[in-house]
C-alpha atoms as a PDB file:
ATOM      1  CA  MET A   1     147.524  31.703 109.653  1.00  0.00           C
ATOM      2  CA  ILE A   2     150.068  31.882 112.460  1.00  0.00           C
ATOM      3  CA  GLU A   3     152.936  31.717 110.003  1.00  0.00           C
ATOM      4  CA  LEU A   4     151.412  34.588 108.046  1.00  0.00           C
ATOM      5  CA  LEU A   5     151.125  36.686 111.195  1.00  0.00           C
ATOM      6  CA  ILE A   6     154.716  35.921 112.144  1.00  0.00           C
ATOM      7  CA  GLU A   7     155.877  36.857 108.660  1.00  0.00           C
ATOM      8  CA  LYS A   8     153.925  40.126 108.795  1.00  0.00           C
ATOM      9  CA  PHE A   9     155.351  41.078 112.193  1.00  0.00           C
ATOM     10  CA  HIS A  10     158.873  40.558 110.835  1.00  0.00           C
ATOM     11  CA  ASP A  11     158.127  42.573 107.687  1.00  0.00           C
ATOM     12  CA  THR A  12     159.771  45.987 108.007  1.00  0.00           C
ATOM     13  CA  HIS A  13     157.446  47.678 105.529  1.00  0.00           C
ATOM     14  CA  PHE A  14     154.316  46.335 107.244  1.00  0.00           C
ATOM     15  CA  MET A  15     155.526  47.348 110.716  1.00  0.00           C
ATOM     16  CA  ALA A  16     156.344  50.852 109.477  1.00  0.00           C
ATOM     17  CA  MET A  17     152.825  51.179 108.042  1.00  0.00           C
ATOM     18  CA  LEU A  18     151.317  49.846 111.276  1.00  0.00           C
ATOM     19  CA  LEU A  19     153.263  52.270 113.449  1.00  0.00           C
ATOM     20  CA  ALA A  20     152.370  55.140 111.124  1.00  0.00           C
ATOM     21  CA  ALA A  21     148.678  54.224 111.390  1.00  0.00           C
ATOM     22  CA  ILE A  22     148.925  54.131 115.190  1.00  0.00           C
ATOM     23  CA  ALA A  23     150.634  57.540 115.217  1.00  0.00           C
ATOM     24  CA  VAL A  24     147.965  59.052 112.957  1.00  0.00           C
ATOM     25  CA  SER A  25     145.178  57.590 115.118  1.00  0.00           C
ATOM     26  CA  ALA A  26     146.790  58.935 118.296  1.00  0.00           C
ATOM     27  CA  THR A  27     147.135  62.378 116.722  1.00  0.00           C
ATOM     28  CA  ALA A  28     143.490  62.383 115.616  1.00  0.00           C
ATOM     29  CA  TYR A  29     142.384  61.318 119.103  1.00  0.00           C
ATOM     30  CA  THR A  30     144.465  64.104 120.675  1.00  0.00           C
ATOM     31  CA  LEU A  31     142.805  66.687 118.434  1.00  0.00           C
ATOM     32  CA  VAL A  32     139.261  65.377 118.853  1.00  0.00           C
ATOM     33  CA  ALA A  33     139.329  64.570 122.610  1.00  0.00           C
ATOM     34  CA  PRO A  34     139.108  68.226 123.829  1.00  0.00           C
ATOM     35  CA  LEU A  35     135.836  68.635 121.909  1.00  0.00           C
ATOM     36  CA  PHE A  36     134.143  66.196 124.302  1.00  0.00           C
ATOM     37  CA  ALA A  37     135.580  67.728 127.475  1.00  0.00           C
ATOM     38  CA  GLY A  38     132.386  69.655 128.185  1.00  0.00           C
ATOM     39  CA  GLU A  39     130.234  66.535 128.290  1.00  0.00           C
ATOM     40  CA  ASN A  40     132.737  64.839 130.586  1.00  0.00           C
ATOM     41  CA  LEU A  41     132.685  67.879 132.885  1.00  0.00           C
ATOM     42  CA  ASN A  42     128.891  67.860 133.172  1.00  0.00           C
ATOM     43  CA  LYS A  43     128.842  64.138 133.850  1.00  0.00           C
ATOM     44  CA  ARG A  44     131.513  64.356 136.555  1.00  0.00           C
ATOM     45  CA  MET A  45     129.877  67.365 138.220  1.00  0.00           C
ATOM     46  CA  LYS A  46     126.490  65.609 138.362  1.00  0.00           C
ATOM     47  CA  ALA A  47     128.117  62.535 139.890  1.00  0.00           C
ATOM     48  CA  VAL A  48     129.878  64.621 142.522  1.00  0.00           C
ATOM     49  CA  ALA A  49     126.760  66.655 143.287  1.00  0.00           C
ATOM     50  CA  SER A  50     124.947  63.451 144.193  1.00  0.00           C
ATOM     51  CA  GLU A  51     127.704  62.714 146.735  1.00  0.00           C
ATOM     52  CA  ARG A  52     125.997  65.115 149.156  1.00  0.00           C
ATOM     53  CA  GLU A  53     122.877  62.967 149.342  1.00  0.00           C
ATOM     54  CA  ARG A  54     124.951  59.821 149.648  1.00  0.00           C
ATOM     55  CA  LEU A  55     126.844  61.263 152.604  1.00  0.00           C
ATOM     56  CA  ARG A  56     123.573  62.315 154.243  1.00  0.00           C
ATOM     57  CA  GLN A  57     122.137  58.842 153.850  1.00  0.00           C
ATOM     58  CA  ARG A  58     125.336  57.267 155.160  1.00  0.00           C
ATOM     59  CA  GLU A  59     125.301  59.452 158.291  1.00  0.00           C
ATOM     60  CA  ARG A  60     121.654  58.657 158.921  1.00  0.00           C
ATOM     61  CA  ASP A  61     122.303  54.949 158.617  1.00  0.00           C
ATOM     62  CA  ARG A  62     125.324  55.185 160.898  1.00  0.00           C
ATOM     63  CA  LEU A  63     123.307  56.993 163.570  1.00  0.00           C
ATOM     64  CA  ASN A  64     120.530  54.429 163.308  1.00  0.00           C
ATOM     65  CA  ARG A  65     123.102  51.584 163.494  1.00  0.00           C
ATOM     66  CA  THR A  66     121.869  50.094 160.282  1.00  0.00           C
ATOM     67  CA  GLU A  67     123.755  48.709 157.338  1.00  0.00           C
ATOM     68  CA  LYS A  68     126.339  51.119 155.928  1.00  0.00           C
ATOM     69  CA  VAL A  69     125.564  52.584 152.513  1.00  0.00           C
ATOM     70  CA  ALA A  70     128.362  52.445 149.943  1.00  0.00           C
ATOM     71  CA  LEU A  71     129.392  55.649 148.200  1.00  0.00           C
ATOM     72  CA  ARG A  72     130.094  53.850 144.943  1.00  0.00           C
ATOM     73  CA  GLN A  73     128.567  51.034 142.983  1.00  0.00           C
ATOM     74  CA  ALA A  74     129.589  47.501 143.758  1.00  0.00           C
ATOM     75  CA  PRO A  75     132.284  45.952 141.555  1.00  0.00           C
ATOM     76  CA  ARG A  76     131.359  43.684 138.715  1.00  0.00           C
ATOM     77  CA  GLN A  77     130.456  40.147 139.604  1.00  0.00           C
ATOM     78  CA  ILE A  78     133.254  38.430 137.696  1.00  0.00           C
ATOM     79  CA  VAL A  79     135.905  40.685 139.253  1.00  0.00           C
ATOM     80  CA  GLN A  80     134.403  40.352 142.721  1.00  0.00           C
ATOM     81  CA  LYS A  81     134.181  36.559 142.350  1.00  0.00           C
ATOM     82  CA  ALA A  82     137.834  36.276 141.296  1.00  0.00           C
ATOM     83  CA  VAL A  83     138.993  38.448 144.191  1.00  0.00           C
ATOM     84  CA  THR A  84     136.886  36.476 146.665  1.00  0.00           C
ATOM     85  CA  ASP A  85     137.767  33.002 145.367  1.00  0.00           C
ATOM     86  CA  PHE A  86     141.515  33.617 145.327  1.00  0.00           C
ATOM     87  CA  ASN A  87     141.417  35.655 148.565  1.00  0.00           C
ATOM     88  CA  LEU A  88     143.354  38.456 146.930  1.00  0.00           C
ATOM     89  CA  THR A  89     142.595  40.875 149.757  1.00  0.00           C
ATOM     90  CA  LYS A  90     144.916  38.781 151.916  1.00  0.00           C
ATOM     91  CA  TRP A  91     147.738  38.072 149.455  1.00  0.00           C
ATOM     92  CA  LEU A  92     147.835  41.201 147.300  1.00  0.00           C
ATOM     93  CA  ALA A  93     146.315  43.853 149.551  1.00  0.00           C
ATOM     94  CA  GLN A  94     148.260  47.100 149.937  1.00  0.00           C
ATOM     95  CA  GLU A  95     147.181  49.937 152.195  1.00  0.00           C
ATOM     96  CA  SER A  96     149.213  52.364 150.099  1.00  0.00           C
ATOM     97  CA  ALA A  97     147.198  51.277 147.058  1.00  0.00           C
ATOM     98  CA  ARG A  98     143.980  52.515 148.685  1.00  0.00           C
ATOM     99  CA  ASP A  99     145.471  55.965 149.213  1.00  0.00           C
ATOM    100  CA  LYS A 100     146.866  56.025 145.689  1.00  0.00           C
ATOM    101  CA  LEU A 101     143.489  55.075 144.242  1.00  0.00           C
ATOM    102  CA  VAL A 102     141.868  57.935 146.127  1.00  0.00           C
ATOM    103  CA  MET A 103     144.575  60.334 144.923  1.00  0.00           C
ATOM    104  CA  ALA A 104     143.975  59.145 141.358  1.00  0.00           C
ATOM    105  CA  GLY A 105     140.255  59.882 141.696  1.00  0.00           C
ATOM    106  CA  TYR A 106     139.026  56.298 142.139  1.00  0.00           C
ATOM    107  CA  ARG A 107     136.926  56.043 145.301  1.00  0.00           C
ATOM    108  CA  GLY A 108     134.900  53.239 146.782  1.00  0.00           C
ATOM    109  CA  PRO A 109     135.279  49.449 146.941  1.00  0.00           C
ATOM    110  CA  ALA A 110     134.910  48.799 143.212  1.00  0.00           C
ATOM    111  CA  PRO A 111     138.223  50.416 142.088  1.00  0.00           C
ATOM    112  CA  TYR A 112     140.155  48.643 144.840  1.00  0.00           C
ATOM    113  CA  THR A 113     138.664  45.271 143.907  1.00  0.00           C
ATOM    114  CA  THR A 114     139.480  45.944 140.242  1.00  0.00           C
ATOM    115  CA  PHE A 115     143.029  46.880 141.219  1.00  0.00           C
ATOM    116  CA  LEU A 116     143.494  43.573 143.063  1.00  0.00           C
ATOM    117  CA  PHE A 117     142.049  41.699 140.080  1.00  0.00           C
ATOM    118  CA  PHE A 118     144.540  43.261 137.683  1.00  0.00           C
ATOM    119  CA  ARG A 119     147.368  42.643 140.145  1.00  0.00           C
ATOM    120  CA  LEU A 120     146.583  38.947 139.661  1.00  0.00           C
ATOM    121  CA  VAL A 121     145.771  38.906 135.934  1.00  0.00           C
ATOM    122  CA  THR A 122     148.445  41.245 134.533  1.00  0.00           C
ATOM    123  CA  PRO A 123     151.540  39.230 135.611  1.00  0.00           C
ATOM    124  CA  ILE A 124     149.998  36.026 134.256  1.00  0.00           C
ATOM    125  CA  ALA A 125     149.149  37.714 130.942  1.00  0.00           C
ATOM    126  CA  PHE A 126     152.651  39.173 130.614  1.00  0.00           C
ATOM    127  CA  LEU A 127     154.240  35.829 131.481  1.00  0.00           C
ATOM    128  CA  VAL A 128     152.151  33.849 128.996  1.00  0.00           C
ATOM    129  CA  GLY A 129     152.588  36.455 126.256  1.00  0.00           C
ATOM    130  CA  SER A 130     156.357  36.640 126.738  1.00  0.00           C
ATOM    131  CA  MET A 131     156.680  32.831 126.708  1.00  0.00           C
ATOM    132  CA  VAL A 132     154.651  32.565 123.505  1.00  0.00           C
ATOM    133  CA  TYR A 133     156.711  35.276 121.818  1.00  0.00           C
ATOM    134  CA  ILE A 134     160.138  34.134 123.033  1.00  0.00           C
ATOM    135  CA  PHE A 135     159.737  30.363 122.624  1.00  0.00           C
ATOM    136  CA  LEU A 136     157.341  30.142 119.661  1.00  0.00           C
ATOM    137  CA  ILE A 137     157.357  33.316 117.560  1.00  0.00           C
ATOM    138  CA  ALA A 138     160.745  35.001 117.861  1.00  0.00           C
ATOM    139  CA  ASN A 139     163.911  33.156 116.958  1.00  0.00           C
ATOM    140  CA  ILE A 140     166.043  34.386 119.864  1.00  0.00           C
ATOM    141  CA  GLN A 141     169.506  32.870 119.986  1.00  0.00           C
ATOM    142  CA  GLN A 142     169.797  32.564 123.772  1.00  0.00           C
ATOM    143  CA  THR A 143     170.000  29.773 126.303  1.00  0.00           C
ATOM    144  CA  ALA A 144     166.880  28.374 127.954  1.00  0.00           C
ATOM    145  CA  ILE A 145     167.832  29.918 131.303  1.00  0.00           C
ATOM    146  CA  MET A 146     168.177  33.344 129.698  1.00  0.00           C
ATOM    147  CA  LYS A 147     164.796  32.965 128.009  1.00  0.00           C
ATOM    148  CA  LEU A 148     163.190  31.994 131.326  1.00  0.00           C
ATOM    149  CA  ALA A 149     164.811  35.002 132.969  1.00  0.00           C
ATOM    150  CA  MET A 150     163.309  37.240 130.300  1.00  0.00           C
ATOM    151  CA  CYS A 151     159.871  35.718 130.935  1.00  0.00           C
ATOM    152  CA  VAL A 152     160.228  36.241 134.692  1.00  0.00           C
ATOM    153  CA  GLY A 153     161.220  39.856 134.040  1.00  0.00           C
ATOM    154  CA  ALA A 154     158.114  40.317 131.908  1.00  0.00           C
ATOM    155  CA  ALA A 155     155.969  38.849 134.716  1.00  0.00           C
ATOM    156  CA  TYR A 156     157.549  41.251 137.215  1.00  0.00           C
ATOM    157  CA  LEU A 157     156.817  44.127 134.843  1.00  0.00           C
ATOM    158  CA  GLY A 158     153.208  42.968 134.657  1.00  0.00           C
ATOM    159  CA  MET A 159     153.023  42.934 138.459  1.00  0.00           C
ATOM    160  CA  GLN A 160     154.228  46.532 138.597  1.00  0.00           C
ATOM    161  CA  ALA A 161     152.027  47.693 135.693  1.00  0.00           C
ATOM    162  CA  PRO A 162     148.932  48.532 137.837  1.00  0.00           C
ATOM    163  CA  MET A 163     151.055  50.626 140.207  1.00  0.00           C
ATOM    164  CA  LEU A 164     152.679  52.396 137.259  1.00  0.00           C
ATOM    165  CA  PHE A 165     149.225  53.153 135.896  1.00  0.00           C
ATOM    166  CA  LEU A 166     148.192  54.588 139.259  1.00  0.00           C
ATOM    167  CA  ARG A 167     151.312  56.763 139.508  1.00  0.00           C
ATOM    168  CA  ASN A 168     150.699  58.099 136.013  1.00  0.00           C
ATOM    169  CA  ALA A 169     147.055  58.863 136.802  1.00  0.00           C
ATOM    170  CA  ILE A 170     148.050  60.581 140.063  1.00  0.00           C
ATOM    171  CA  SER A 171     150.678  62.736 138.364  1.00  0.00           C
ATOM    172  CA  LYS A 172     148.232  63.850 135.651  1.00  0.00           C
ATOM    173  CA  ARG A 173     145.540  64.636 138.197  1.00  0.00           C
ATOM    174  CA  GLN A 174     147.919  66.536 140.466  1.00  0.00           C
ATOM    175  CA  LEU A 175     149.238  68.536 137.515  1.00  0.00           C
ATOM    176  CA  SER A 176     145.698  69.536 136.555  1.00  0.00           C
ATOM    177  CA  ILE A 177     144.912  70.578 140.134  1.00  0.00           C
ATOM    178  CA  LYS A 178     148.237  72.364 140.576  1.00  0.00           C
ATOM    179  CA  ARG A 179     147.671  74.551 137.526  1.00  0.00           C
ATOM    180  CA  ALA A 180     144.170  75.615 138.543  1.00  0.00           C
ATOM    181  CA  PHE A 181     144.646  75.851 142.323  1.00  0.00           C
ATOM    182  CA  PRO A 182     145.940  79.483 142.477  1.00  0.00           C
ATOM    183  CA  ASP A 183     142.953  80.678 140.467  1.00  0.00           C
ATOM    184  CA  ALA A 184     140.654  78.670 142.748  1.00  0.00           C
ATOM    185  CA  LEU A 185     142.175  80.378 145.799  1.00  0.00           C
ATOM    186  CA  ASP A 186     141.622  83.787 144.218  1.00  0.00           C
ATOM    187  CA  LEU A 187     137.981  82.941 143.543  1.00  0.00           C
ATOM    188  CA  LEU A 188     137.553  81.568 147.074  1.00  0.00           C
ATOM    189  CA  LEU A 189     139.062  84.769 148.510  1.00  0.00           C
ATOM    190  CA  ILE A 190     136.580  86.859 146.519  1.00  0.00           C
ATOM    191  CA  CYS A 191     133.698  84.714 147.755  1.00  0.00           C
ATOM    192  CA  ILE A 192     134.802  84.957 151.409  1.00  0.00           C
ATOM    193  CA  GLU A 193     135.312  88.725 151.230  1.00  0.00           C
ATOM    194  CA  SER A 194     131.858  89.131 149.687  1.00  0.00           C
ATOM    195  CA  GLY A 195     130.283  87.587 152.788  1.00  0.00           C
ATOM    196  CA  MET A 196     129.793  83.966 151.725  1.00  0.00           C
ATOM    197  CA  SER A 197     130.355  81.093 154.098  1.00  0.00           C
ATOM    198  CA  ILE A 198     133.180  78.670 153.435  1.00  0.00           C
ATOM    199  CA  GLU A 199     130.721  75.995 152.218  1.00  0.00           C
ATOM    200  CA  ALA A 200     129.028  78.375 149.788  1.00  0.00           C
ATOM    201  CA  GLY A 201     132.440  79.618 148.654  1.00  0.00           C
ATOM    202  CA  PHE A 202     133.673  76.105 147.895  1.00  0.00           C
ATOM    203  CA  ARG A 203     130.461  75.326 146.025  1.00  0.00           C
ATOM    204  CA  ARG A 204     130.694  78.475 143.924  1.00  0.00           C
ATOM    205  CA  VAL A 205     134.386  77.978 143.147  1.00  0.00           C
ATOM    206  CA  SER A 206     133.774  74.357 142.126  1.00  0.00           C
ATOM    207  CA  GLN A 207     131.209  75.552 139.578  1.00  0.00           C
ATOM    208  CA  GLU A 208     133.593  78.139 138.116  1.00  0.00           C
ATOM    209  CA  ILE A 209     136.867  76.204 138.177  1.00  0.00           C
ATOM    210  CA  GLY A 210     135.479  73.143 136.373  1.00  0.00           C
ATOM    211  CA  THR A 211     136.416  74.566 132.983  1.00  0.00           C
ATOM    212  CA  GLN A 212     140.101  74.563 134.015  1.00  0.00           C
ATOM    213  CA  SER A 213     140.308  71.414 136.128  1.00  0.00           C
ATOM    214  CA  ILE A 214     137.560  68.826 136.484  1.00  0.00           C
ATOM    215  CA  ALA A 215     139.511  67.068 139.228  1.00  0.00           C
ATOM    216  CA  LEU A 216     139.750  70.207 141.377  1.00  0.00           C
ATOM    217  CA  ALA A 217     136.054  70.938 140.895  1.00  0.00           C
ATOM    218  CA  GLU A 218     135.257  67.409 142.003  1.00  0.00           C
ATOM    219  CA  GLU A 219     137.413  67.703 145.126  1.00  0.00           C
ATOM    220  CA  LEU A 220     135.881  71.031 146.112  1.00  0.00           C
ATOM    221  CA  MET A 221     132.390  69.591 145.757  1.00  0.00           C
ATOM    222  CA  LEU A 222     133.370  66.701 148.019  1.00  0.00           C
ATOM    223  CA  VAL A 223     134.748  69.146 150.593  1.00  0.00           C
ATOM    224  CA  THR A 224     131.448  71.036 150.476  1.00  0.00           C
ATOM    225  CA  ALA A 225     129.518  67.835 151.148  1.00  0.00           C
ATOM    226  CA  GLU A 226     131.850  66.760 153.966  1.00  0.00           C
ATOM    227  CA  LEU A 227     131.727  70.190 155.631  1.00  0.00           C
ATOM    228  CA  SER A 228     127.953  69.937 155.732  1.00  0.00           C
ATOM    229  CA  TYR A 229     127.631  66.458 157.221  1.00  0.00           C
ATOM    230  CA  LEU A 230     130.803  65.418 159.042  1.00  0.00           C
ATOM    231  CA  GLN A 231     130.774  65.836 162.801  1.00  0.00           C
ATOM    232  CA  ASP A 232     134.283  67.316 162.882  1.00  0.00           C
ATOM    233  CA  ARG A 233     134.716  69.911 160.135  1.00  0.00           C
ATOM    234  CA  ARG A 234     138.497  69.647 160.362  1.00  0.00           C
ATOM    235  CA  MET A 235     138.266  66.102 159.012  1.00  0.00           C
ATOM    236  CA  ALA A 236     136.978  67.544 155.720  1.00  0.00           C
ATOM    237  CA  TYR A 237     140.171  69.565 155.295  1.00  0.00           C
ATOM    238  CA  ASP A 238     142.310  66.568 156.273  1.00  0.00           C
ATOM    239  CA  ASN A 239     140.520  64.450 153.682  1.00  0.00           C
ATOM    240  CA  LEU A 240     141.075  67.131 151.038  1.00  0.00           C
ATOM    241  CA  ALA A 241     144.828  67.231 151.691  1.00  0.00           C
ATOM    242  CA  ARG A 242     145.024  63.420 151.734  1.00  0.00           C
ATOM    243  CA  ARG A 243     143.084  62.990 148.492  1.00  0.00           C
ATOM    244  CA  ILE A 244     145.170  65.496 146.521  1.00  0.00           C
ATOM    245  CA  GLY A 245     148.606  65.056 148.088  1.00  0.00           C
ATOM    246  CA  LEU A 246     150.066  68.439 147.066  1.00  0.00           C
ATOM    247  CA  GLU A 247     152.034  70.576 149.504  1.00  0.00           C
ATOM    248  CA  SER A 248     150.192  73.732 148.479  1.00  0.00           C
ATOM    249  CA  VAL A 249     146.836  72.082 149.195  1.00  0.00           C
ATOM    250  CA  LYS A 250     148.127  70.753 152.535  1.00  0.00           C
ATOM    251  CA  SER A 251     149.174  74.249 153.604  1.00  0.00           C
ATOM    252  CA  VAL A 252     145.760  75.646 152.678  1.00  0.00           C
ATOM    253  CA  ALA A 253     144.011  72.823 154.530  1.00  0.00           C
ATOM    254  CA  LEU A 254     146.139  73.482 157.621  1.00  0.00           C
ATOM    255  CA  ALA A 255     145.372  77.205 157.466  1.00  0.00           C
ATOM    256  CA  LEU A 256     141.647  76.490 157.179  1.00  0.00           C
ATOM    257  CA  GLN A 257     141.854  74.150 160.168  1.00  0.00           C
ATOM    258  CA  GLN A 258     143.575  76.816 162.266  1.00  0.00           C
ATOM    259  CA  ALA A 259     141.009  79.403 161.218  1.00  0.00           C
ATOM    260  CA  GLU A 260     138.264  76.949 162.164  1.00  0.00           C
ATOM    261  CA  ARG A 261     139.846  76.241 165.543  1.00  0.00           C
ATOM    262  CA  TYR A 262     141.123  79.639 166.668  1.00  0.00           C
ATOM    263  CA  GLY A 263     138.756  81.945 164.797  1.00  0.00           C
ATOM    264  CA  THR A 264     141.463  83.801 162.879  1.00  0.00           C
ATOM    265  CA  PRO A 265     140.396  86.000 159.915  1.00  0.00           C
ATOM    266  CA  LEU A 266     139.994  83.671 156.967  1.00  0.00           C
ATOM    267  CA  ALA A 267     140.219  86.333 154.264  1.00  0.00           C
ATOM    268  CA  MET A 268     143.672  87.482 155.350  1.00  0.00           C
ATOM    269  CA  THR A 269     144.960  83.911 155.449  1.00  0.00           C
ATOM    270  CA  LEU A 270     143.557  83.137 151.994  1.00  0.00           C
ATOM    271  CA  ARG A 271     145.063  86.327 150.557  1.00  0.00           C
ATOM    272  CA  VAL A 272     148.550  85.352 151.740  1.00  0.00           C
ATOM    273  CA  LEU A 273     148.165  81.774 150.499  1.00  0.00           C
ATOM    274  CA  ALA A 274     146.834  82.908 147.127  1.00  0.00           C
ATOM    275  CA  GLN A 275     149.806  85.215 146.663  1.00  0.00           C
ATOM    276  CA  GLU A 276     152.232  82.434 147.598  1.00  0.00           C
ATOM    277  CA  ASN A 277     150.637  80.018 145.140  1.00  0.00           C
ATOM    278  CA  ARG A 278     150.744  82.580 142.341  1.00  0.00           C
ATOM    279  CA  ASP A 279     154.423  83.226 143.073  1.00  0.00           C
ATOM    280  CA  MET A 280     155.136  79.487 143.072  1.00  0.00           C
ATOM    281  CA  ARG A 281     153.400  79.071 139.711  1.00  0.00           C
ATOM    282  CA  MET A 282     155.382  81.952 138.225  1.00  0.00           C
ATOM    283  CA  THR A 283     158.632  80.535 139.619  1.00  0.00           C
ATOM    284  CA  GLU A 284     157.947  77.137 138.057  1.00  0.00           C
ATOM    285  CA  ALA A 285     157.164  78.791 134.711  1.00  0.00           C
ATOM    286  CA  GLU A 286     160.459  80.690 134.879  1.00  0.00           C
ATOM    287  CA  LYS A 287     162.331  77.471 135.675  1.00  0.00           C
ATOM    288  CA  LYS A 288     160.813  75.733 132.668  1.00  0.00           C
ATOM    289  CA  ALA A 289     161.643  78.675 130.432  1.00  0.00           C
ATOM    290  CA  ALA A 290     165.247  78.712 131.681  1.00  0.00           C
ATOM    291  CA  ALA A 291     165.585  74.960 131.056  1.00  0.00           C
ATOM    292  CA  LEU A 292     164.516  75.186 127.407  1.00  0.00           C
ATOM    293  CA  PRO A 293     167.900  76.184 125.833  1.00  0.00           C
ATOM    294  CA  PRO A 294     169.832  73.162 127.216  1.00  0.00           C
ATOM    295  CA  LYS A 295     167.000  70.847 126.205  1.00  0.00           C
ATOM    296  CA  LEU A 296     166.921  72.234 122.669  1.00  0.00           C
ATOM    297  CA  THR A 297     170.662  71.811 122.131  1.00  0.00           C
ATOM    298  CA  VAL A 298     170.604  68.086 121.357  1.00  0.00           C
ATOM    299  CA  PRO A 299     167.560  68.231 119.002  1.00  0.00           C
ATOM    300  CA  MET A 300     169.150  71.118 117.126  1.00  0.00           C
ATOM    301  CA  ILE A 301     172.404  69.193 116.686  1.00  0.00           C
ATOM    302  CA  LEU A 302     170.662  65.999 115.590  1.00  0.00           C
ATOM    303  CA  PHE A 303     167.892  67.398 113.389  1.00  0.00           C
ATOM    304  CA  PHE A 304     168.400  71.055 112.454  1.00  0.00           C
ATOM    305  CA  LEU A 305     172.119  71.179 111.689  1.00  0.00           C
ATOM    306  CA  PRO A 306     172.169  68.210 109.232  1.00  0.00           C
ATOM    307  CA  VAL A 307     169.243  69.702 107.309  1.00  0.00           C
ATOM    308  CA  LEU A 308     170.962  73.094 107.313  1.00  0.00           C
ATOM    309  CA  PHE A 309     174.154  71.564 105.928  1.00  0.00           C
ATOM    310  CA  VAL A 310     172.187  69.756 103.214  1.00  0.00           C
ATOM    311  CA  VAL A 311     170.426  72.994 102.200  1.00  0.00           C
ATOM    312  CA  ILE A 312     173.676  74.990 102.118  1.00  0.00           C
ATOM    313  CA  LEU A 313     176.023  72.414 100.606  1.00  0.00           C
ATOM    314  CA  GLY A 314     173.464  70.585  98.439  1.00  0.00           C
ATOM    315  CA  PRO A 315     173.571  72.918  95.397  1.00  0.00           C
ATOM    316  CA  THR A 316     177.352  73.097  95.564  1.00  0.00           C
ATOM    317  CA  GLY A 317     177.592  69.305  95.654  1.00  0.00           C
ATOM    318  CA  ILE A 318     175.242  69.005  92.668  1.00  0.00           C
ATOM    319  CA  LYS A 319     177.346  71.453  90.643  1.00  0.00           C
ATOM    320  CA  VAL A 320     180.612  69.704  91.562  1.00  0.00           C
ATOM    321  CA  SER A 321     179.191  66.333  90.586  1.00  0.00           C
ATOM    322  CA  SER A 322     177.950  67.734  87.248  1.00  0.00           C
ATOM    323  CA  TYR A 323     181.408  69.180  86.458  1.00  0.00           C
ATOM    324  CA  MET A 324     183.088  65.906  87.304  1.00  0.00           C
ATOM    325  CA  HIS A 325     180.813  64.018  84.925  1.00  0.00           C
END
């Protein structure tokens, strides 16, 4: 059985079919995934809406000096047991990882425990898999030291894999928020000028902006809950800027803090910030449009020009070959 698998993995025709099947499956998933976005939005919004009651219960318990209520479910038993038995919070703990998990949208103790678990398991899995492939499956003509170095490199890659996953999740989430944030500021400005409070404005904007960015709607709902139940309202804006990590959001949070502290007109501040964010979005779109011609040069040389030459010179070559024969 193992020999058959090894033979199949070294078969060029089989690998081409396998890669083609993976590509077709990925394309089908990309086309079908947006159809289920509405259900995901409703689920996320219901989960965030319940955060208000959780925060209320947590504040009550804190005032009564009772046991603190967790905002998220406890991690799974097998993950929690592995983290506790190996004392991973001491050996693999990273304070930056907590902030990155929050920025990626993973809050509570369960995601952090899962992160520590994968920090332990992933390097071992990469090391064992690379050793099996290098020493048993592949016929690599290298020295034993070089093979061990390749296995150690694979283990190091496995150690960095959870952080790479977090960075990718953060970048996707920030991109989604960045695209929808100017529209959210415009909606918030309309709500404030119509006479709504800042809490009601955030709640209304979170309901409207969810079709563009689920992550931004979730963050605005959390800000609404924190503004209602935190003792210092400025902490809610600090938490918003820390969770998202974008400069535009930090500037808005700072402006809201100053308006909260000094009583400056909030509508005027939001109007200026909304205009700045719209200008920034237009500037980035212009930069991307200006960068397209240099990026298209290499694909045109590699793919378009050879096909063009074949189309132009193909009939002539066929005629010349027929005359020669």
